[in-house]
Amino acid sequence: MVRFISQRELRNENAKVMDAVAGGETFIVTRNGEPVAEIRPIQSARKTFIRRQDLSRNAGVRVRIDPDQFRRDLDNAVDQRL
């Protein structure tokens, strides 16, 4: 959702606007009622996760992941204690 805010509101509510942008909102900043800028979240070019189907297709082979073994491997690799 795009919200319109004035230059003055941006100046006075800077922290709130930045928190909203970090949460995914987009703002159009106006000066004297005319749009002059857009503030939006940066879209990451890198995906954090990849779906199993995409991984299989990209690898050229069918990948079978055993969730229980995967969990054990993670537990062995990372100390889970606080």
Protein backbone atom coordinates (compact mmCIF):
# COMPACT_ATOMS: atom_id res chain seq x y z
CA MET A 1 0.00 0.00 0.00
CA VAL A 2 1.32 3.44 -0.92
CA ARG A 3 0.80 6.34 1.46
CA PHE A 4 1.21 10.02 0.64
CA ILE A 5 2.98 12.16 3.24
CA SER A 6 4.12 15.76 3.21
CA GLN A 7 7.73 16.83 3.44
CA ARG A 8 6.94 18.28 6.87
CA GLU A 9 5.42 15.00 8.08
CA LEU A 10 8.51 13.13 6.88
CA ARG A 11 10.73 15.54 8.79
CA ASN A 12 8.65 15.38 11.98
CA GLU A 13 7.91 11.63 11.91
CA ASN A 14 11.18 10.37 10.43
CA ALA A 15 11.63 7.41 12.81
CA LYS A 16 8.03 6.23 12.39
CA VAL A 17 8.24 6.47 8.61
CA MET A 18 11.51 4.51 8.52
CA ASP A 19 10.00 1.81 10.77
CA ALA A 20 7.02 1.56 8.42
CA VAL A 21 9.32 1.32 5.38
CA ALA A 22 11.29 -1.43 7.10
CA GLY A 23 7.94 -3.17 7.59
CA GLY A 24 7.23 -3.06 3.85
CA GLU A 25 5.28 0.16 3.36
CA THR A 26 5.93 2.65 0.54
CA PHE A 27 5.56 6.42 0.83
CA ILE A 28 5.22 9.19 -1.74
CA VAL A 29 6.61 12.43 -0.32
CA THR A 30 4.91 15.63 -1.43
CA ARG A 31 6.02 19.26 -1.39
CA ASN A 32 3.26 21.84 -1.71
CA GLY A 33 0.92 19.00 -2.67
CA GLU A 34 3.10 17.78 -5.56
CA PRO A 35 4.80 14.35 -5.42
CA VAL A 36 8.61 14.72 -5.33
CA ALA A 37 9.99 11.44 -4.00
CA GLU A 38 9.21 7.83 -3.27
CA ILE A 39 10.51 6.01 -0.19
CA ARG A 40 10.24 2.23 -0.40
CA PRO A 41 11.94 -0.86 0.97
CA ILE A 42 14.96 -2.13 -0.91
CA GLN A 43 14.17 -5.40 -2.65
CA SER A 44 16.82 -7.99 -2.00
CA ALA A 45 18.08 -9.60 -5.20
CA ARG A 46 19.09 -12.70 -3.27
CA LYS A 47 16.50 -15.16 -2.05
CA THR A 48 17.02 -16.53 1.42
CA PHE A 49 15.13 -19.75 0.78
CA ILE A 50 14.57 -21.84 -2.29
CA ARG A 51 11.70 -24.24 -2.79
CA ARG A 52 12.47 -27.95 -3.07
CA GLN A 53 11.00 -28.04 -6.59
CA ASP A 54 13.26 -25.21 -7.73
CA LEU A 55 16.30 -26.85 -6.17
CA SER A 56 15.53 -30.15 -7.91
CA ARG A 57 15.02 -28.47 -11.27
CA ASN A 58 18.21 -26.43 -10.95
CA ALA A 59 20.28 -29.42 -9.88
CA GLY A 60 18.94 -31.55 -12.72
CA VAL A 61 18.21 -34.43 -10.33
CA ARG A 62 15.42 -35.26 -7.94
CA VAL A 63 16.42 -34.28 -4.43
CA ARG A 64 14.96 -36.16 -1.48
CA ILE A 65 15.44 -34.47 1.86
CA ASP A 66 14.73 -36.49 4.97
CA PRO A 67 13.44 -33.88 7.47
CA ASP A 68 14.43 -35.92 10.55
CA GLN A 69 17.99 -36.44 9.31
CA PHE A 70 18.22 -32.80 8.29
CA ARG A 71 17.20 -31.75 11.83
CA ARG A 72 19.80 -34.11 13.36
CA ASP A 73 22.47 -32.70 11.04
CA LEU A 74 21.57 -29.16 12.09
CA ASP A 75 21.59 -30.09 15.78
CA ASN A 76 25.02 -31.68 15.37
CA ALA A 77 26.42 -28.65 13.54
CA VAL A 78 24.98 -25.93 15.81
CA ASP A 79 25.09 -25.76 19.61
CA GLN A 80 21.42 -25.41 20.58
CA ARG A 81 22.12 -24.47 24.21
CA LEU A 82 21.67 -20.87 25.26
